[in-house]
N, C-alpha and C. Protein backbone atom coordinates (compact mmCIF):
# COMPACT_ATOMS: atom_id res chain seq x y z
N MET A 1 100.39 116.43 64.13
CA MET A 1 101.70 116.74 64.63
C MET A 1 101.93 115.96 65.92
N THR A 2 103.13 115.44 66.09
CA THR A 2 103.53 114.80 67.33
C THR A 2 104.07 115.86 68.28
N ILE A 3 103.57 115.85 69.50
CA ILE A 3 104.05 116.77 70.53
C ILE A 3 104.79 115.95 71.58
N TYR A 4 105.95 116.45 71.96
CA TYR A 4 106.77 115.82 72.98
C TYR A 4 106.67 116.66 74.24
N ALA A 5 106.15 116.06 75.31
CA ALA A 5 105.94 116.77 76.57
C ALA A 5 106.94 116.28 77.61
N PHE A 6 107.44 117.21 78.38
CA PHE A 6 108.29 116.91 79.52
C PHE A 6 107.56 117.51 80.73
N ILE A 7 107.21 116.65 81.68
CA ILE A 7 106.39 117.09 82.81
C ILE A 7 107.07 116.75 84.13
N ASP A 8 106.75 117.53 85.15
CA ASP A 8 107.26 117.22 86.48
C ASP A 8 106.35 117.84 87.54
N GLY A 9 106.31 117.18 88.65
CA GLY A 9 105.63 117.68 89.84
C GLY A 9 106.65 117.74 90.96
N ALA A 10 106.59 118.79 91.75
CA ALA A 10 107.53 118.94 92.86
C ALA A 10 106.76 119.23 94.14
N SER A 11 107.25 118.68 95.23
CA SER A 11 106.65 118.91 96.54
C SER A 11 107.75 119.08 97.57
N ARG A 12 107.67 120.13 98.31
CA ARG A 12 108.67 120.37 99.36
C ARG A 12 108.09 119.89 100.69
N ASN A 13 108.76 118.95 101.29
CA ASN A 13 108.40 118.30 102.55
C ASN A 13 107.45 117.13 102.38
N ASN A 14 106.90 116.90 101.27
CA ASN A 14 106.12 115.73 100.86
C ASN A 14 105.25 115.10 101.96
N PRO A 15 104.05 115.58 102.25
CA PRO A 15 103.38 116.65 101.51
C PRO A 15 103.85 118.02 101.96
N GLY A 16 103.70 118.94 101.04
CA GLY A 16 104.10 120.31 101.30
C GLY A 16 103.73 121.17 100.12
N GLU A 17 104.28 122.38 100.11
CA GLU A 17 104.01 123.27 98.99
C GLU A 17 104.45 122.59 97.70
N SER A 18 103.58 122.67 96.69
CA SER A 18 103.83 121.90 95.47
C SER A 18 103.61 122.73 94.22
N GLY A 19 104.28 122.30 93.16
CA GLY A 19 104.13 122.95 91.87
C GLY A 19 104.28 121.95 90.75
N ILE A 20 103.87 122.38 89.56
CA ILE A 20 104.00 121.54 88.37
C ILE A 20 104.71 122.32 87.27
N GLY A 21 105.38 121.58 86.41
CA GLY A 21 106.05 122.17 85.26
C GLY A 21 105.78 121.33 84.03
N ILE A 22 105.49 122.01 82.92
CA ILE A 22 105.18 121.32 81.66
C ILE A 22 105.91 122.04 80.54
N LEU A 23 106.59 121.28 79.71
CA LEU A 23 107.30 121.80 78.55
C LEU A 23 106.85 121.01 77.34
N LEU A 24 106.32 121.69 76.33
CA LEU A 24 105.85 121.04 75.11
C LEU A 24 106.76 121.43 73.95
N LYS A 25 107.22 120.41 73.20
CA LYS A 25 108.10 120.65 72.06
C LYS A 25 107.56 119.95 70.82
N ASP A 26 107.97 120.46 69.66
CA ASP A 26 107.61 119.79 68.41
C ASP A 26 108.72 118.80 68.02
N HIS A 27 108.59 118.17 66.86
CA HIS A 27 109.55 117.13 66.45
C HIS A 27 110.95 117.69 66.19
N ASN A 28 111.07 119.01 66.02
CA ASN A 28 112.38 119.64 65.83
C ASN A 28 113.01 120.11 67.14
N GLY A 29 112.29 119.91 68.24
CA GLY A 29 112.78 120.35 69.54
C GLY A 29 112.45 121.80 69.85
N GLU A 30 111.66 122.42 68.98
CA GLU A 30 111.25 123.81 69.23
C GLU A 30 110.18 123.84 70.32
N VAL A 31 110.31 124.77 71.23
CA VAL A 31 109.36 124.90 72.33
C VAL A 31 108.04 125.46 71.81
N LEU A 32 106.97 124.73 72.05
CA LEU A 32 105.63 125.17 71.68
C LEU A 32 104.97 125.94 72.81
N ARG A 33 105.19 125.45 74.03
CA ARG A 33 104.55 126.08 75.19
C ARG A 33 105.26 125.61 76.45
N LYS A 34 105.31 126.51 77.44
CA LYS A 34 105.83 126.19 78.77
C LYS A 34 104.78 126.62 79.77
N GLU A 35 104.65 125.84 80.82
CA GLU A 35 103.73 126.26 81.89
C GLU A 35 104.29 125.82 83.23
N PHE A 36 104.11 126.70 84.21
CA PHE A 36 104.38 126.32 85.59
C PHE A 36 103.20 126.79 86.42
N SER A 37 102.97 126.10 87.52
CA SER A 37 101.84 126.45 88.36
C SER A 37 102.07 125.99 89.79
N TYR A 38 101.63 126.82 90.71
CA TYR A 38 101.60 126.46 92.13
C TYR A 38 100.28 125.74 92.37
N ILE A 39 100.32 124.58 93.02
CA ILE A 39 99.09 123.81 93.23
C ILE A 39 98.72 123.68 94.71
N GLY A 40 99.43 124.38 95.58
CA GLY A 40 99.12 124.33 97.01
C GLY A 40 99.83 123.17 97.70
N THR A 41 99.23 122.65 98.74
CA THR A 41 99.82 121.55 99.50
C THR A 41 99.41 120.22 98.88
N ALA A 42 100.41 119.40 98.57
CA ALA A 42 100.16 118.09 97.96
C ALA A 42 101.38 117.21 98.18
N THR A 43 101.20 115.93 97.88
CA THR A 43 102.34 115.02 97.88
C THR A 43 103.03 115.11 96.51
N ASN A 44 104.21 114.59 96.44
CA ASN A 44 104.94 114.57 95.18
C ASN A 44 104.18 113.77 94.12
N ASN A 45 103.61 112.63 94.51
CA ASN A 45 102.88 111.80 93.54
C ASN A 45 101.65 112.51 93.00
N ILE A 46 100.94 113.22 93.86
CA ILE A 46 99.78 113.98 93.40
C ILE A 46 100.22 115.11 92.46
N ALA A 47 101.33 115.74 92.79
CA ALA A 47 101.86 116.79 91.91
C ALA A 47 102.21 116.21 90.54
N GLU A 48 102.78 115.01 90.50
CA GLU A 48 103.13 114.38 89.21
C GLU A 48 101.86 114.12 88.39
N TYR A 49 100.84 113.57 89.01
CA TYR A 49 99.58 113.32 88.30
C TYR A 49 98.90 114.63 87.87
N THR A 50 99.01 115.66 88.70
CA THR A 50 98.44 116.96 88.34
C THR A 50 99.15 117.53 87.12
N ALA A 51 100.46 117.35 87.05
CA ALA A 51 101.22 117.81 85.88
C ALA A 51 100.75 117.07 84.63
N LEU A 52 100.56 115.77 84.73
CA LEU A 52 100.10 115.00 83.57
C LEU A 52 98.70 115.42 83.15
N ARG A 53 97.82 115.55 84.12
CA ARG A 53 96.44 115.95 83.81
C ARG A 53 96.41 117.33 83.14
N THR A 54 97.19 118.26 83.66
CA THR A 54 97.26 119.60 83.08
C THR A 54 97.82 119.55 81.67
N CYS A 55 98.83 118.73 81.47
CA CYS A 55 99.42 118.55 80.13
C CYS A 55 98.38 118.04 79.14
N LEU A 56 97.63 117.04 79.54
CA LEU A 56 96.59 116.47 78.66
C LEU A 56 95.55 117.52 78.30
N GLN A 57 95.19 118.35 79.27
CA GLN A 57 94.21 119.41 79.01
C GLN A 57 94.78 120.48 78.07
N MET A 58 96.05 120.80 78.22
CA MET A 58 96.70 121.79 77.35
C MET A 58 96.71 121.31 75.90
N VAL A 59 97.06 120.06 75.71
CA VAL A 59 97.23 119.51 74.37
C VAL A 59 95.90 119.38 73.65
N ARG A 60 94.81 119.23 74.40
CA ARG A 60 93.48 119.11 73.77
C ARG A 60 93.16 120.29 72.87
N SER A 61 93.68 121.47 73.19
CA SER A 61 93.39 122.66 72.39
C SER A 61 94.41 122.89 71.26
N MET A 62 95.31 121.94 71.07
CA MET A 62 96.35 122.08 70.04
C MET A 62 96.14 121.04 68.94
N GLU A 63 96.76 121.28 67.80
CA GLU A 63 96.74 120.27 66.74
C GLU A 63 97.76 119.20 67.11
N CYS A 64 97.26 118.06 67.53
CA CYS A 64 98.14 117.00 68.00
C CYS A 64 97.56 115.65 67.57
N SER A 65 98.38 114.88 66.85
CA SER A 65 97.97 113.53 66.47
C SER A 65 98.55 112.49 67.42
N LYS A 66 99.70 112.84 68.06
CA LYS A 66 100.33 111.93 69.01
C LYS A 66 101.02 112.76 70.09
N LEU A 67 100.85 112.34 71.33
CA LEU A 67 101.51 112.98 72.47
C LEU A 67 102.45 111.97 73.11
N VAL A 68 103.71 112.33 73.20
CA VAL A 68 104.71 111.50 73.86
C VAL A 68 105.17 112.25 75.10
N VAL A 69 104.79 111.71 76.26
CA VAL A 69 105.09 112.35 77.54
C VAL A 69 106.33 111.71 78.16
N HIS A 70 107.21 112.57 78.66
CA HIS A 70 108.41 112.13 79.37
C HIS A 70 108.27 112.59 80.82
N SER A 71 108.42 111.65 81.74
CA SER A 71 108.29 111.95 83.17
C SER A 71 109.37 111.20 83.94
N ASP A 72 109.87 111.84 85.00
CA ASP A 72 110.85 111.16 85.84
C ASP A 72 110.19 110.43 87.01
N SER A 73 108.85 110.37 87.00
CA SER A 73 108.12 109.65 88.04
C SER A 73 107.95 108.18 87.62
N GLU A 74 108.85 107.36 88.09
CA GLU A 74 108.78 105.93 87.75
C GLU A 74 107.47 105.33 88.24
N LEU A 75 107.02 105.74 89.43
CA LEU A 75 105.77 105.21 89.98
C LEU A 75 104.60 105.50 89.05
N MET A 76 104.44 106.76 88.65
CA MET A 76 103.31 107.13 87.80
C MET A 76 103.37 106.41 86.45
N VAL A 77 104.53 106.39 85.85
CA VAL A 77 104.66 105.74 84.54
C VAL A 77 104.33 104.26 84.65
N LYS A 78 104.84 103.59 85.67
CA LYS A 78 104.56 102.16 85.82
C LYS A 78 103.09 101.90 86.17
N GLN A 79 102.47 102.82 86.90
CA GLN A 79 101.04 102.67 87.18
C GLN A 79 100.24 102.81 85.88
N LEU A 80 100.60 103.77 85.06
CA LEU A 80 99.87 103.97 83.80
C LEU A 80 100.11 102.83 82.81
N HIS A 81 101.25 102.18 82.90
CA HIS A 81 101.53 101.01 82.06
C HIS A 81 100.92 99.73 82.63
N GLY A 82 100.33 99.82 83.82
CA GLY A 82 99.71 98.66 84.43
C GLY A 82 100.68 97.74 85.15
N LYS A 83 101.91 98.19 85.36
CA LYS A 83 102.91 97.36 86.04
C LYS A 83 102.81 97.48 87.57
N TYR A 84 102.32 98.62 88.05
CA TYR A 84 102.09 98.82 89.48
C TYR A 84 100.61 99.13 89.69
N ARG A 85 100.06 98.62 90.79
CA ARG A 85 98.69 98.97 91.15
C ARG A 85 98.68 100.31 91.85
N VAL A 86 97.55 100.99 91.78
CA VAL A 86 97.36 102.25 92.50
C VAL A 86 96.59 101.90 93.77
N LYS A 87 97.30 101.94 94.90
CA LYS A 87 96.69 101.52 96.16
C LYS A 87 96.08 102.68 96.94
N ASP A 88 96.72 103.84 96.92
CA ASP A 88 96.26 104.99 97.68
C ASP A 88 94.97 105.54 97.08
N ALA A 89 93.96 105.75 97.92
CA ALA A 89 92.63 106.19 97.45
C ALA A 89 92.68 107.56 96.77
N THR A 90 93.42 108.49 97.32
CA THR A 90 93.52 109.82 96.72
C THR A 90 94.24 109.76 95.39
N LEU A 91 95.31 109.00 95.34
CA LEU A 91 96.07 108.86 94.09
C LEU A 91 95.23 108.13 93.03
N LYS A 92 94.40 107.19 93.47
CA LYS A 92 93.53 106.45 92.56
C LYS A 92 92.58 107.41 91.84
N LYS A 93 92.08 108.41 92.56
CA LYS A 93 91.19 109.41 91.96
C LYS A 93 91.91 110.15 90.83
N HIS A 94 93.14 110.54 91.06
CA HIS A 94 93.93 111.24 90.04
C HIS A 94 94.21 110.31 88.85
N PHE A 95 94.53 109.07 89.14
CA PHE A 95 94.77 108.05 88.11
C PHE A 95 93.53 107.90 87.22
N GLN A 96 92.36 107.84 87.84
CA GLN A 96 91.11 107.69 87.09
C GLN A 96 90.80 108.93 86.25
N GLU A 97 91.11 110.11 86.77
CA GLU A 97 90.90 111.34 86.01
C GLU A 97 91.79 111.36 84.76
N VAL A 98 93.02 110.91 84.89
CA VAL A 98 93.92 110.83 83.75
C VAL A 98 93.37 109.85 82.72
N HIS A 99 92.91 108.70 83.17
CA HIS A 99 92.34 107.71 82.24
C HIS A 99 91.11 108.25 81.52
N LYS A 100 90.29 109.01 82.21
CA LYS A 100 89.12 109.61 81.58
C LYS A 100 89.54 110.59 80.48
N LEU A 101 90.54 111.42 80.77
CA LEU A 101 91.04 112.36 79.76
C LEU A 101 91.62 111.61 78.56
N LEU A 102 92.29 110.50 78.82
CA LEU A 102 92.87 109.72 77.72
C LEU A 102 91.79 109.04 76.88
N GLN A 103 90.72 108.60 77.51
CA GLN A 103 89.61 107.99 76.76
C GLN A 103 88.97 108.99 75.82
N ASP A 104 88.91 110.24 76.24
CA ASP A 104 88.28 111.30 75.45
C ASP A 104 89.25 111.97 74.47
N ALA A 105 90.51 111.61 74.53
CA ALA A 105 91.53 112.28 73.71
C ALA A 105 91.40 111.91 72.24
N SER A 106 91.72 112.86 71.40
CA SER A 106 91.68 112.64 69.94
C SER A 106 93.07 112.33 69.40
N PHE A 107 94.02 112.11 70.28
CA PHE A 107 95.40 111.84 69.87
C PHE A 107 95.89 110.53 70.48
N GLU A 108 96.90 109.96 69.85
CA GLU A 108 97.57 108.77 70.37
C GLU A 108 98.43 109.21 71.55
N PHE A 109 98.55 108.36 72.56
CA PHE A 109 99.27 108.72 73.78
C PHE A 109 100.34 107.68 74.10
N GLU A 110 101.50 108.20 74.50
CA GLU A 110 102.60 107.35 74.94
C GLU A 110 103.27 108.06 76.12
N ILE A 111 103.64 107.29 77.14
CA ILE A 111 104.36 107.88 78.27
C ILE A 111 105.63 107.09 78.52
N LYS A 112 106.71 107.82 78.77
CA LYS A 112 108.02 107.20 78.96
C LYS A 112 108.65 107.71 80.25
N HIS A 113 109.34 106.81 80.93
CA HIS A 113 110.11 107.21 82.10
C HIS A 113 111.48 107.68 81.64
N VAL A 114 111.90 108.84 82.14
CA VAL A 114 113.25 109.36 81.86
C VAL A 114 113.93 109.64 83.19
N MET A 115 115.23 109.61 83.16
CA MET A 115 115.99 109.93 84.37
C MET A 115 115.84 111.43 84.67
N ARG A 116 115.97 111.76 85.91
CA ARG A 116 115.77 113.14 86.37
C ARG A 116 116.61 114.15 85.59
N GLU A 117 117.85 113.78 85.26
CA GLU A 117 118.72 114.72 84.54
C GLU A 117 118.25 115.02 83.11
N LYS A 118 117.39 114.17 82.56
CA LYS A 118 116.82 114.40 81.23
C LYS A 118 115.53 115.22 81.31
N ASN A 119 115.16 115.61 82.52
CA ASN A 119 113.89 116.31 82.74
C ASN A 119 114.09 117.62 83.52
N LYS A 120 115.29 118.18 83.40
CA LYS A 120 115.66 119.35 84.20
C LYS A 120 114.77 120.56 83.95
N GLU A 121 114.41 120.81 82.70
CA GLU A 121 113.60 122.00 82.39
C GLU A 121 112.23 121.93 83.06
N ALA A 122 111.60 120.76 83.02
CA ALA A 122 110.30 120.60 83.66
C ALA A 122 110.43 120.73 85.17
N ASP A 123 111.50 120.20 85.73
CA ASP A 123 111.76 120.32 87.17
C ASP A 123 111.93 121.78 87.57
N GLU A 124 112.67 122.54 86.77
CA GLU A 124 112.87 123.96 87.06
C GLU A 124 111.53 124.71 87.01
N LEU A 125 110.69 124.36 86.04
CA LEU A 125 109.38 125.00 85.94
C LEU A 125 108.51 124.67 87.16
N ALA A 126 108.52 123.41 87.59
CA ALA A 126 107.73 123.01 88.76
C ALA A 126 108.19 123.77 90.01
N ASN A 127 109.48 123.91 90.17
CA ASN A 127 110.00 124.64 91.32
C ASN A 127 109.72 126.14 91.21
N LEU A 128 109.67 126.66 89.99
CA LEU A 128 109.30 128.05 89.77
C LEU A 128 107.85 128.29 90.21
N GLY A 129 107.00 127.30 89.98
CA GLY A 129 105.62 127.40 90.45
C GLY A 129 105.55 127.53 91.96
N ILE A 130 106.36 126.74 92.66
CA ILE A 130 106.39 126.82 94.13
C ILE A 130 106.97 128.16 94.55
N ASP A 131 108.08 128.56 93.94
CA ASP A 131 108.76 129.79 94.36
C ASP A 131 107.92 131.05 94.14
N THR A 132 107.18 131.08 93.03
CA THR A 132 106.40 132.29 92.72
C THR A 132 104.97 132.22 93.23
N LYS A 133 104.53 131.00 93.56
CA LYS A 133 103.15 130.76 94.01
C LYS A 133 102.13 131.31 93.01
N ARG A 134 102.42 131.09 91.74
CA ARG A 134 101.47 131.51 90.71
C ARG A 134 101.54 130.58 89.51
N ARG A 135 100.67 130.85 88.56
CA ARG A 135 100.59 130.05 87.33
C ARG A 135 100.94 130.95 86.15
N MET A 136 101.75 130.40 85.24
CA MET A 136 102.09 131.17 84.05
C MET A 136 102.30 130.23 82.87
N THR A 137 101.73 130.61 81.73
CA THR A 137 101.95 129.89 80.49
C THR A 137 102.70 130.82 79.54
N VAL A 138 103.75 130.28 78.93
CA VAL A 138 104.55 131.05 77.99
C VAL A 138 104.52 130.36 76.64
């Protein structure tokens, strides 16, 4: 089954209180799973990578032949496509963790950049993580 993921990381004051939001859908647009989580103090870019890493870990336990991730983080998407280098040492660690998860994945992976307005649900979930300071999977 192909799973379509919409992910977002949010940080208030960058760095500041941060959260992640993940929305997983099937090919019919039916919601398979939603998750939001408070991740503490982080930069927006770290929150974006944390959302992706968490998404990859979630999908590992599901029947998935292909994962198509949608993110409004142009930086992260271009770094994963090899168009931008990862210069920051902390961000490089997160980038490497994502690559390790992808090497071990049993599914095909694709990541796409989408405009922020096409990613509203994931953004709302990420902000819910900050507002509630907790983690919840639905």
